[in-house]
Amino acid sequence: MALAREDIDIENIKRESDADLIVENIMQSTRMISRFQDRQVKMRDEIEEQKRTISNLEDDIQLLKKEKRWNMLWRNSLEGYIAKTQVFLAIVFLINMLFTYFMSR
């Protein structure tokens, strides 16, 4: 009754409160969207960092494979030289033994 005397329309109050709720919901939705966008940007940055890390690791693996091949070639070369040196030393040892044998007679 007091509201009727003051010329206050209850429907206008309902509409205003509904509008306030809608605005509040829109603000909450906007905040949530901005949080999700921030998370999305962070995830993109993390993915890019992981891609860079993977690329660096792949480069390192390629370098290690090349180094391994070089080391294998070097080792094979050294093994060949060692085998030749052993044969040479065996021949020199036999010659020395023969020389010592004939000198002692």
PDB file of N, CA and C in Angstrom:
ATOM      1  N   MET A   1       0.802  -1.189   0.000  1.00  0.00           N
ATOM      2  CA  MET A   1       0.000   0.000   0.000  1.00  0.00           C
ATOM      3  C   MET A   1       0.846   1.253   0.000  1.00  0.00           C
ATOM      4  N   ALA A   2       1.923   1.177   0.816  1.00  0.00           N
ATOM      5  CA  ALA A   2       2.788   2.347   0.870  1.00  0.00           C
ATOM      6  C   ALA A   2       3.466   2.553  -0.458  1.00  0.00           C
ATOM      7  N   LEU A   3       3.766   1.443  -1.147  1.00  0.00           N
ATOM      8  CA  LEU A   3       4.406   1.552  -2.454  1.00  0.00           C
ATOM      9  C   LEU A   3       3.449   2.171  -3.473  1.00  0.00           C
ATOM     10  N   ALA A   4       2.170   1.851  -3.355  1.00  0.00           N
ATOM     11  CA  ALA A   4       1.185   2.406  -4.285  1.00  0.00           C
ATOM     12  C   ALA A   4       1.035   3.906  -4.064  1.00  0.00           C
ATOM     13  N   ARG A   5       1.114   4.321  -2.810  1.00  0.00           N
ATOM     14  CA  ARG A   5       1.010   5.748  -2.535  1.00  0.00           C
ATOM     15  C   ARG A   5       2.208   6.521  -3.075  1.00  0.00           C
ATOM     16  N   GLU A   6       3.345   5.894  -3.093  1.00  0.00           N
ATOM     17  CA  GLU A   6       4.570   6.558  -3.543  1.00  0.00           C
ATOM     18  C   GLU A   6       4.725   6.483  -5.058  1.00  0.00           C
ATOM     19  N   ASP A   7       3.840   5.871  -5.748  1.00  0.00           N
ATOM     20  CA  ASP A   7       3.882   5.657  -7.196  1.00  0.00           C
ATOM     21  C   ASP A   7       5.106   4.836  -7.617  1.00  0.00           C
ATOM     22  N   ILE A   8       5.377   3.801  -6.876  1.00  0.00           N
ATOM     23  CA  ILE A   8       6.487   2.889  -7.216  1.00  0.00           C
ATOM     24  C   ILE A   8       5.883   1.677  -7.898  1.00  0.00           C
ATOM     25  N   ASP A   9       6.392   1.392  -9.085  1.00  0.00           N
ATOM     26  CA  ASP A   9       5.885   0.266  -9.853  1.00  0.00           C
ATOM     27  C   ASP A   9       6.763  -0.956  -9.575  1.00  0.00           C
ATOM     28  N   ILE A  10       6.124  -2.016  -9.082  1.00  0.00           N
ATOM     29  CA  ILE A  10       6.873  -3.236  -8.742  1.00  0.00           C
ATOM     30  C   ILE A  10       7.448  -3.877  -9.996  1.00  0.00           C
ATOM     31  N   GLU A  11       6.769  -3.778 -11.112  1.00  0.00           N
ATOM     32  CA  GLU A  11       7.268  -4.358 -12.356  1.00  0.00           C
ATOM     33  C   GLU A  11       8.576  -3.691 -12.784  1.00  0.00           C
ATOM     34  N   ASN A  12       8.663  -2.359 -12.599  1.00  0.00           N
ATOM     35  CA  ASN A  12       9.915  -1.661 -12.931  1.00  0.00           C
ATOM     36  C   ASN A  12      11.061  -2.133 -12.046  1.00  0.00           C
ATOM     37  N   ILE A  13      10.753  -2.378 -10.770  1.00  0.00           N
ATOM     38  CA  ILE A  13      11.785  -2.873  -9.848  1.00  0.00           C
ATOM     39  C   ILE A  13      12.250  -4.256 -10.289  1.00  0.00           C
ATOM     40  N   LYS A  14      11.313  -5.112 -10.687  1.00  0.00           N
ATOM     41  CA  LYS A  14      11.675  -6.453 -11.152  1.00  0.00           C
ATOM     42  C   LYS A  14      12.550  -6.362 -12.397  1.00  0.00           C
ATOM     43  N   ARG A  15      12.151  -5.495 -13.338  1.00  0.00           N
ATOM     44  CA  ARG A  15      12.919  -5.358 -14.566  1.00  0.00           C
ATOM     45  C   ARG A  15      14.333  -4.852 -14.275  1.00  0.00           C
ATOM     46  N   GLU A  16      14.429  -3.876 -13.376  1.00  0.00           N
ATOM     47  CA  GLU A  16      15.749  -3.340 -13.024  1.00  0.00           C
ATOM     48  C   GLU A  16      16.610  -4.393 -12.338  1.00  0.00           C
ATOM     49  N   SER A  17      16.001  -5.180 -11.441  1.00  0.00           N
ATOM     50  CA  SER A  17      16.778  -6.225 -10.762  1.00  0.00           C
ATOM     51  C   SER A  17      17.172  -7.308 -11.758  1.00  0.00           C
ATOM     52  N   ASP A  18      16.293  -7.634 -12.704  1.00  0.00           N
ATOM     53  CA  ASP A  18      16.653  -8.599 -13.746  1.00  0.00           C
ATOM     54  C   ASP A  18      17.806  -8.072 -14.600  1.00  0.00           C
ATOM     55  N   ALA A  19      17.743  -6.803 -14.932  1.00  0.00           N
ATOM     56  CA  ALA A  19      18.817  -6.193 -15.729  1.00  0.00           C
ATOM     57  C   ALA A  19      20.127  -6.219 -14.941  1.00  0.00           C
ATOM     58  N   ASP A  20      20.053  -5.940 -13.632  1.00  0.00           N
ATOM     59  CA  ASP A  20      21.260  -5.985 -12.796  1.00  0.00           C
ATOM     60  C   ASP A  20      21.853  -7.398 -12.778  1.00  0.00           C
ATOM     61  N   LEU A  21      20.991  -8.417 -12.660  1.00  0.00           N
ATOM     62  CA  LEU A  21      21.460  -9.801 -12.669  1.00  0.00           C
ATOM     63  C   LEU A  21      22.095 -10.149 -14.007  1.00  0.00           C
ATOM     64  N   ILE A  22      21.460  -9.692 -15.087  1.00  0.00           N
ATOM     65  CA  ILE A  22      22.014  -9.968 -16.418  1.00  0.00           C
ATOM     66  C   ILE A  22      23.380  -9.314 -16.573  1.00  0.00           C
ATOM     67  N   VAL A  23      23.497  -8.065 -16.150  1.00  0.00           N
ATOM     68  CA  VAL A  23      24.783  -7.358 -16.236  1.00  0.00           C
ATOM     69  C   VAL A  23      25.828  -8.069 -15.389  1.00  0.00           C
ATOM     70  N   GLU A  24      25.436  -8.496 -14.200  1.00  0.00           N
ATOM     71  CA  GLU A  24      26.373  -9.210 -13.327  1.00  0.00           C
ATOM     72  C   GLU A  24      26.819 -10.532 -13.963  1.00  0.00           C
ATOM     73  N   ASN A  25      25.875 -11.246 -14.551  1.00  0.00           N
ATOM     74  CA  ASN A  25      26.223 -12.497 -15.236  1.00  0.00           C
ATOM     75  C   ASN A  25      27.151 -12.240 -16.427  1.00  0.00           C
ATOM     76  N   ILE A  26      26.879 -11.183 -17.161  1.00  0.00           N
ATOM     77  CA  ILE A  26      27.729 -10.840 -18.308  1.00  0.00           C
ATOM     78  C   ILE A  26      29.141 -10.509 -17.819  1.00  0.00           C
ATOM     79  N   MET A  27      29.248  -9.787 -16.725  1.00  0.00           N
ATOM     80  CA  MET A  27      30.571  -9.433 -16.176  1.00  0.00           C
ATOM     81  C   MET A  27      31.315 -10.689 -15.732  1.00  0.00           C
ATOM     82  N   GLN A  28      30.611 -11.603 -15.054  1.00  0.00           N
ATOM     83  CA  GLN A  28      31.250 -12.850 -14.637  1.00  0.00           C
ATOM     84  C   GLN A  28      31.688 -13.668 -15.848  1.00  0.00           C
ATOM     85  N   SER A  29      30.841 -13.715 -16.851  1.00  0.00           N
ATOM     86  CA  SER A  29      31.201 -14.454 -18.073  1.00  0.00           C
ATOM     87  C   SER A  29      32.412 -13.819 -18.746  1.00  0.00           C
ATOM     88  N   THR A  30      32.453 -12.507 -18.774  1.00  0.00           N
ATOM     89  CA  THR A  30      33.589 -11.805 -19.385  1.00  0.00           C
ATOM     90  C   THR A  30      34.872 -12.104 -18.618  1.00  0.00           C
ATOM     91  N   ARG A  31      34.798 -12.107 -17.285  1.00  0.00           N
ATOM     92  CA  ARG A  31      35.975 -12.428 -16.480  1.00  0.00           C
ATOM     93  C   ARG A  31      36.438 -13.861 -16.735  1.00  0.00           C
ATOM     94  N   MET A  32      35.480 -14.782 -16.811  1.00  0.00           N
ATOM     95  CA  MET A  32      35.841 -16.181 -17.068  1.00  0.00           C
ATOM     96  C   MET A  32      36.481 -16.327 -18.447  1.00  0.00           C
ATOM     97  N   ILE A  33      35.935 -15.644 -19.435  1.00  0.00           N
ATOM     98  CA  ILE A  33      36.499 -15.710 -20.784  1.00  0.00           C
ATOM     99  C   ILE A  33      37.917 -15.159 -20.794  1.00  0.00           C
ATOM    100  N   SER A  34      38.138 -14.049 -20.087  1.00  0.00           N
ATOM    101  CA  SER A  34      39.493 -13.480 -20.061  1.00  0.00           C
ATOM    102  C   SER A  34      40.465 -14.416 -19.342  1.00  0.00           C
ATOM    103  N   ARG A  35      40.006 -15.095 -18.278  1.00  0.00           N
ATOM    104  CA  ARG A  35      40.867 -16.074 -17.604  1.00  0.00           C
ATOM    105  C   ARG A  35      41.211 -17.230 -18.537  1.00  0.00           C
ATOM    106  N   PHE A  36      40.196 -17.709 -19.265  1.00  0.00           N
ATOM    107  CA  PHE A  36      40.445 -18.797 -20.206  1.00  0.00           C
ATOM    108  C   PHE A  36      41.403 -18.365 -21.315  1.00  0.00           C
ATOM    109  N   GLN A  37      41.265 -17.130 -21.769  1.00  0.00           N
ATOM    110  CA  GLN A  37      42.174 -16.629 -22.802  1.00  0.00           C
ATOM    111  C   GLN A  37      43.601 -16.533 -22.259  1.00  0.00           C
ATOM    112  N   ASP A  38      43.738 -16.098 -21.015  1.00  0.00           N
ATOM    113  CA  ASP A  38      45.066 -16.048 -20.399  1.00  0.00           C
ATOM    114  C   ASP A  38      45.665 -17.448 -20.303  1.00  0.00           C
ATOM    115  N   ARG A  39      44.854 -18.404 -19.893  1.00  0.00           N
ATOM    116  CA  ARG A  39      45.340 -19.787 -19.803  1.00  0.00           C
ATOM    117  C   ARG A  39      45.720 -20.309 -21.184  1.00  0.00           C
ATOM    118  N   GLN A  40      44.929 -19.962 -22.184  1.00  0.00           N
ATOM    119  CA  GLN A  40      45.214 -20.402 -23.540  1.00  0.00           C
ATOM    120  C   GLN A  40      46.545 -19.830 -24.025  1.00  0.00           C
ATOM    121  N   VAL A  41      46.795 -18.570 -23.725  1.00  0.00           N
ATOM    122  CA  VAL A  41      48.065 -17.948 -24.117  1.00  0.00           C
ATOM    123  C   VAL A  41      49.220 -18.631 -23.403  1.00  0.00           C
ATOM    124  N   LYS A  42      49.055 -18.914 -22.110  1.00  0.00           N
ATOM    125  CA  LYS A  42      50.104 -19.609 -21.360  1.00  0.00           C
ATOM    126  C   LYS A  42      50.359 -20.990 -21.936  1.00  0.00           C
ATOM    127  N   MET A  43      49.288 -21.696 -22.282  1.00  0.00           N
ATOM    128  CA  MET A  43      49.454 -23.033 -22.853  1.00  0.00           C
ATOM    129  C   MET A  43      50.155 -22.965 -24.210  1.00  0.00           C
ATOM    130  N   ARG A  44      49.822 -21.966 -25.017  1.00  0.00           N
ATOM    131  CA  ARG A  44      50.506 -21.798 -26.302  1.00  0.00           C
ATOM    132  C   ARG A  44      51.988 -21.542 -26.089  1.00  0.00           C
ATOM    133  N   ASP A  45      52.301 -20.695 -25.115  1.00  0.00           N
ATOM    134  CA  ASP A  45      53.708 -20.412 -24.813  1.00  0.00           C
ATOM    135  C   ASP A  45      54.429 -21.681 -24.361  1.00  0.00           C
ATOM    136  N   GLU A  46      53.765 -22.464 -23.507  1.00  0.00           N
ATOM    137  CA  GLU A  46      54.372 -23.716 -23.046  1.00  0.00           C
ATOM    138  C   GLU A  46      54.588 -24.680 -24.208  1.00  0.00           C
ATOM    139  N   ILE A  47      53.612 -24.751 -25.105  1.00  0.00           N
ATOM    140  CA  ILE A  47      53.743 -25.641 -26.271  1.00  0.00           C
ATOM    141  C   ILE A  47      54.900 -25.184 -27.149  1.00  0.00           C
ATOM    142  N   GLU A  48      55.016 -23.882 -27.368  1.00  0.00           N
ATOM    143  CA  GLU A  48      56.128 -23.364 -28.182  1.00  0.00           C
ATOM    144  C   GLU A  48      57.472 -23.663 -27.514  1.00  0.00           C
ATOM    145  N   GLU A  49      57.533 -23.518 -26.201  1.00  0.00           N
ATOM    146  CA  GLU A  49      58.761 -23.822 -25.465  1.00  0.00           C
ATOM    147  C   GLU A  49      59.109 -25.303 -25.596  1.00  0.00           C
ATOM    148  N   GLN A  50      58.097 -26.157 -25.494  1.00  0.00           N
ATOM    149  CA  GLN A  50      58.327 -27.589 -25.638  1.00  0.00           C
ATOM    150  C   GLN A  50      58.773 -27.931 -27.051  1.00  0.00           C
ATOM    151  N   LYS A  51      58.197 -27.263 -28.049  1.00  0.00           N
ATOM    152  CA  LYS A  51      58.618 -27.492 -29.435  1.00  0.00           C
ATOM    153  C   LYS A  51      60.072 -27.089 -29.621  1.00  0.00           C
ATOM    154  N   ARG A  52      60.459 -25.943 -29.036  1.00  0.00           N
ATOM    155  CA  ARG A  52      61.858 -25.509 -29.130  1.00  0.00           C
ATOM    156  C   ARG A  52      62.780 -26.501 -28.441  1.00  0.00           C
ATOM    157  N   THR A  53      62.370 -26.988 -27.288  1.00  0.00           N
ATOM    158  CA  THR A  53      63.176 -27.967 -26.561  1.00  0.00           C
ATOM    159  C   THR A  53      63.327 -29.249 -27.371  1.00  0.00           C
ATOM    160  N   ILE A  54      62.235 -29.717 -27.960  1.00  0.00           N
ATOM    161  CA  ILE A  54      62.289 -30.924 -28.780  1.00  0.00           C
ATOM    162  C   ILE A  54      63.199 -30.714 -29.974  1.00  0.00           C
ATOM    163  N   SER A  55      63.103 -29.558 -30.603  1.00  0.00           N
ATOM    164  CA  SER A  55      63.958 -29.261 -31.752  1.00  0.00           C
ATOM    165  C   SER A  55      65.426 -29.255 -31.348  1.00  0.00           C
ATOM    166  N   ASN A  56      65.725 -28.644 -30.217  1.00  0.00           N
ATOM    167  CA  ASN A  56      67.114 -28.626 -29.734  1.00  0.00           C
ATOM    168  C   ASN A  56      67.610 -30.034 -29.433  1.00  0.00           C
ATOM    169  N   LEU A  57      66.759 -30.849 -28.824  1.00  0.00           N
ATOM    170  CA  LEU A  57      67.147 -32.225 -28.522  1.00  0.00           C
ATOM    171  C   LEU A  57      67.374 -33.033 -29.798  1.00  0.00           C
ATOM    172  N   GLU A  58      66.524 -32.813 -30.808  1.00  0.00           N
ATOM    173  CA  GLU A  58      66.714 -33.514 -32.077  1.00  0.00           C
ATOM    174  C   GLU A  58      68.034 -33.097 -32.733  1.00  0.00           C
ATOM    175  N   ASP A  59      68.362 -31.797 -32.657  1.00  0.00           N
ATOM    176  CA  ASP A  59      69.645 -31.327 -33.190  1.00  0.00           C
ATOM    177  C   ASP A  59      70.811 -31.980 -32.443  1.00  0.00           C
ATOM    178  N   ASP A  60      70.687 -32.056 -31.123  1.00  0.00           N
ATOM    179  CA  ASP A  60      71.740 -32.688 -30.326  1.00  0.00           C
ATOM    180  C   ASP A  60      71.898 -34.160 -30.690  1.00  0.00           C
ATOM    181  N   ILE A  61      70.767 -34.830 -30.921  1.00  0.00           N
ATOM    182  CA  ILE A  61      70.821 -36.242 -31.288  1.00  0.00           C
ATOM    183  C   ILE A  61      71.530 -36.411 -32.625  1.00  0.00           C
ATOM    184  N   GLN A  62      71.217 -35.532 -33.586  1.00  0.00           N
ATOM    185  CA  GLN A  62      71.880 -35.609 -34.892  1.00  0.00           C
ATOM    186  C   GLN A  62      73.383 -35.399 -34.743  1.00  0.00           C
ATOM    187  N   LEU A  63      73.773 -34.427 -33.929  1.00  0.00           N
ATOM    188  CA  LEU A  63      75.203 -34.184 -33.717  1.00  0.00           C
ATOM    189  C   LEU A  63      75.877 -35.389 -33.062  1.00  0.00           C
ATOM    190  N   LEU A  64      75.202 -35.985 -32.088  1.00  0.00           N
ATOM    191  CA  LEU A  64      75.770 -37.157 -31.424  1.00  0.00           C
ATOM    192  C   LEU A  64      75.905 -38.333 -32.385  1.00  0.00           C
ATOM    193  N   LYS A  65      74.924 -38.490 -33.284  1.00  0.00           N
ATOM    194  CA  LYS A  65      75.020 -39.562 -34.275  1.00  0.00           C
ATOM    195  C   LYS A  65      76.208 -39.334 -35.204  1.00  0.00           C
ATOM    196  N   LYS A  66      76.399 -38.082 -35.636  1.00  0.00           N
ATOM    197  CA  LYS A  66      77.544 -37.773 -36.495  1.00  0.00           C
ATOM    198  C   LYS A  66      78.849 -38.024 -35.753  1.00  0.00           C
ATOM    199  N   GLU A  67      78.891 -37.600 -34.480  1.00  0.00           N
ATOM    200  CA  GLU A  67      80.096 -37.805 -33.679  1.00  0.00           C
ATOM    201  C   GLU A  67      80.351 -39.295 -33.471  1.00  0.00           C
ATOM    202  N   LYS A  68      79.296 -40.064 -33.276  1.00  0.00           N
ATOM    203  CA  LYS A  68      79.441 -41.506 -33.080  1.00  0.00           C
ATOM    204  C   LYS A  68      80.012 -42.143 -34.347  1.00  0.00           C
ATOM    205  N   ARG A  69      79.491 -41.717 -35.514  1.00  0.00           N
ATOM    206  CA  ARG A  69      80.024 -42.252 -36.771  1.00  0.00           C
ATOM    207  C   ARG A  69      81.500 -41.920 -36.912  1.00  0.00           C
ATOM    208  N   TRP A  70      81.857 -40.670 -36.590  1.00  0.00           N
ATOM    209  CA  TRP A  70      83.255 -40.255 -36.688  1.00  0.00           C
ATOM    210  C   TRP A  70      84.124 -41.078 -35.746  1.00  0.00           C
ATOM    211  N   ASN A  71      83.631 -41.271 -34.519  1.00  0.00           N
ATOM    212  CA  ASN A  71      84.385 -42.057 -33.542  1.00  0.00           C
ATOM    213  C   ASN A  71      84.543 -43.503 -34.003  1.00  0.00           C
ATOM    214  N   MET A  72      83.506 -44.058 -34.618  1.00  0.00           N
ATOM    215  CA  MET A  72      83.602 -45.429 -35.107  1.00  0.00           C
ATOM    216  C   MET A  72      84.634 -45.517 -36.235  1.00  0.00           C
ATOM    217  N   LEU A  73      84.618 -44.534 -37.137  1.00  0.00           N
ATOM    218  CA  LEU A  73      85.608 -44.523 -38.220  1.00  0.00           C
ATOM    219  C   LEU A  73      87.015 -44.389 -37.653  1.00  0.00           C
ATOM    220  N   TRP A  74      87.155 -43.500 -36.681  1.00  0.00           N
ATOM    221  CA  TRP A  74      88.460 -43.279 -36.053  1.00  0.00           C
ATOM    222  C   TRP A  74      88.935 -44.546 -35.351  1.00  0.00           C
ATOM    223  N   ARG A  75      88.017 -45.200 -34.622  1.00  0.00           N
ATOM    224  CA  ARG A  75      88.360 -46.426 -33.914  1.00  0.00           C
ATOM    225  C   ARG A  75      88.767 -47.525 -34.907  1.00  0.00           C
ATOM    226  N   ASN A  76      88.007 -47.664 -35.993  1.00  0.00           N
ATOM    227  CA  ASN A  76      88.359 -48.661 -37.005  1.00  0.00           C
ATOM    228  C   ASN A  76      89.738 -48.364 -37.600  1.00  0.00           C
ATOM    229  N   SER A  77      90.004 -47.094 -37.830  1.00  0.00           N
ATOM    230  CA  SER A  77      91.307 -46.705 -38.366  1.00  0.00           C
ATOM    231  C   SER A  77      92.410 -47.040 -37.366  1.00  0.00           C
ATOM    232  N   LEU A  78      92.173 -46.712 -36.094  1.00  0.00           N
ATOM    233  CA  LEU A  78      93.167 -47.016 -35.063  1.00  0.00           C
ATOM    234  C   LEU A  78      93.376 -48.515 -34.912  1.00  0.00           C
ATOM    235  N   GLU A  79      92.294 -49.287 -34.961  1.00  0.00           N
ATOM    236  CA  GLU A  79      92.431 -50.737 -34.852  1.00  0.00           C
ATOM    237  C   GLU A  79      93.253 -51.295 -36.003  1.00  0.00           C
ATOM    238  N   GLY A  80      93.069 -50.726 -37.200  1.00  0.00           N
ATOM    239  CA  GLY A  80      93.883 -51.142 -38.343  1.00  0.00           C
ATOM    240  C   GLY A  80      95.346 -50.826 -38.119  1.00  0.00           C
ATOM    241  N   TYR A  81      95.638 -49.620 -37.620  1.00  0.00           N
ATOM    242  CA  TYR A  81      97.030 -49.238 -37.347  1.00  0.00           C
ATOM    243  C   TYR A  81      97.629 -50.111 -36.250  1.00  0.00           C
ATOM    244  N   ILE A  82      96.839 -50.400 -35.224  1.00  0.00           N
ATOM    245  CA  ILE A  82      97.332 -51.243 -34.124  1.00  0.00           C
ATOM    246  C   ILE A  82      97.647 -52.644 -34.646  1.00  0.00           C
ATOM    247  N   ALA A  83      96.770 -53.183 -35.490  1.00  0.00           N
ATOM    248  CA  ALA A  83      97.019 -54.524 -36.044  1.00  0.00           C
ATOM    249  C   ALA A  83      98.300 -54.527 -36.885  1.00  0.00           C
ATOM    250  N   LYS A  84      98.483 -53.506 -37.705  1.00  0.00           N
ATOM    251  CA  LYS A  84      99.685 -53.413 -38.531  1.00  0.00           C
ATOM    252  C   LYS A  84     100.931 -53.278 -37.656  1.00  0.00           C
ATOM    253  N   THR A  85     100.826 -52.470 -36.602  1.00  0.00           N
ATOM    254  CA  THR A  85     101.964 -52.268 -35.697  1.00  0.00           C
ATOM    255  C   THR A  85     102.301 -53.571 -34.981  1.00  0.00           C
ATOM    256  N   GLN A  86     101.299 -54.331 -34.568  1.00  0.00           N
ATOM    257  CA  GLN A  86     101.551 -55.608 -33.896  1.00  0.00           C
ATOM    258  C   GLN A  86     102.245 -56.593 -34.825  1.00  0.00           C
ATOM    259  N   VAL A  87     101.805 -56.634 -36.078  1.00  0.00           N
ATOM    260  CA  VAL A  87     102.455 -57.521 -37.053  1.00  0.00           C
ATOM    261  C   VAL A  87     103.902 -57.076 -37.264  1.00  0.00           C
ATOM    262  N   PHE A  88     104.101 -55.763 -37.398  1.00  0.00           N
ATOM    263  CA  PHE A  88     105.451 -55.235 -37.596  1.00  0.00           C
ATOM    264  C   PHE A  88     106.349 -55.571 -36.403  1.00  0.00           C
ATOM    265  N   LEU A  89     105.823 -55.384 -35.181  1.00  0.00           N
ATOM    266  CA  LEU A  89     106.619 -55.690 -33.991  1.00  0.00           C
ATOM    267  C   LEU A  89     106.896 -57.189 -33.870  1.00  0.00           C
ATOM    268  N   ALA A  90     105.945 -58.029 -34.263  1.00  0.00           N
ATOM    269  CA  ALA A  90     106.174 -59.474 -34.234  1.00  0.00           C
ATOM    270  C   ALA A  90     107.291 -59.845 -35.203  1.00  0.00           C
ATOM    271  N   ILE A  91     107.298 -59.243 -36.395  1.00  0.00           N
ATOM    272  CA  ILE A  91     108.358 -59.511 -37.375  1.00  0.00           C
ATOM    273  C   ILE A  91     109.706 -59.027 -36.850  1.00  0.00           C
ATOM    274  N   VAL A  92     109.721 -57.829 -36.266  1.00  0.00           N
ATOM    275  CA  VAL A  92     110.964 -57.295 -35.706  1.00  0.00           C
ATOM    276  C   VAL A  92     111.456 -58.198 -34.574  1.00  0.00           C
ATOM    277  N   PHE A  93     110.539 -58.676 -33.728  1.00  0.00           N
ATOM    278  CA  PHE A  93     110.916 -59.573 -32.636  1.00  0.00           C
ATOM    279  C   PHE A  93     111.528 -60.868 -33.180  1.00  0.00           C
ATOM    280  N   LEU A  94     110.918 -61.444 -34.228  1.00  0.00           N
ATOM    281  CA  LEU A  94     111.460 -62.666 -34.822  1.00  0.00           C
ATOM    282  C   LEU A  94     112.846 -62.414 -35.430  1.00  0.00           C
ATOM    283  N   ILE A  95     112.982 -61.291 -36.105  1.00  0.00           N
ATOM    284  CA  ILE A  95     114.294 -60.951 -36.686  1.00  0.00           C
ATOM    285  C   ILE A  95     115.317 -60.789 -35.577  1.00  0.00           C
ATOM    286  N   ASN A  96     114.915 -60.129 -34.487  1.00  0.00           N
ATOM    287  CA  ASN A  96     115.827 -59.929 -33.357  1.00  0.00           C
ATOM    288  C   ASN A  96     116.215 -61.276 -32.741  1.00  0.00           C
ATOM    289  N   MET A  97     115.223 -62.183 -32.608  1.00  0.00           N
ATOM    290  CA  MET A  97     115.515 -63.508 -32.059  1.00  0.00           C
ATOM    291  C   MET A  97     116.487 -64.274 -32.968  1.00  0.00           C
ATOM    292  N   LEU A  98     116.223 -64.216 -34.282  1.00  0.00           N
ATOM    293  CA  LEU A  98     117.123 -64.878 -35.225  1.00  0.00           C
ATOM    294  C   LEU A  98     118.520 -64.256 -35.189  1.00  0.00           C
ATOM    295  N   PHE A  99     118.564 -62.944 -35.134  1.00  0.00           N
ATOM    296  CA  PHE A  99     119.847 -62.252 -35.078  1.00  0.00           C
ATOM    297  C   PHE A  99     120.605 -62.635 -33.807  1.00  0.00           C
ATOM    298  N   THR A 100     119.897 -62.692 -32.695  1.00  0.00           N
ATOM    299  CA  THR A 100     120.533 -63.059 -31.417  1.00  0.00           C
ATOM    300  C   THR A 100     121.008 -64.508 -31.475  1.00  0.00           C
ATOM    301  N   TYR A 101     120.215 -65.378 -32.052  1.00  0.00           N
ATOM    302  CA  TYR A 101     120.580 -66.790 -32.165  1.00  0.00           C
ATOM    303  C   TYR A 101     121.856 -66.955 -33.001  1.00  0.00           C
ATOM    304  N   PHE A 102     121.877 -66.295 -34.157  1.00  0.00           N
ATOM    305  CA  PHE A 102     123.061 -66.426 -35.022  1.00  0.00           C
ATOM    306  C   PHE A 102     124.283 -65.718 -34.441  1.00  0.00           C
ATOM    307  N   MET A 103     124.099 -64.661 -33.673  1.00  0.00           N
ATOM    308  CA  MET A 103     125.223 -63.957 -33.063  1.00  0.00           C
ATOM    309  C   MET A 103     125.804 -64.796 -31.902  1.00  0.00           C
ATOM    310  N   SER A 104     124.955 -65.552 -31.243  1.00  0.00           N
ATOM    311  CA  SER A 104     125.435 -66.347 -30.118  1.00  0.00           C
ATOM    312  C   SER A 104     126.210 -67.587 -30.600  1.00  0.00           C
ATOM    313  N   ARG A 105     126.094 -67.978 -31.802  1.00  0.00           N
ATOM    314  CA  ARG A 105     126.807 -69.148 -32.340  1.00  0.00           C
ATOM    315  C   ARG A 105     128.136 -68.733 -32.759  1.00  0.00           C
TER     316      ARG A 105
END
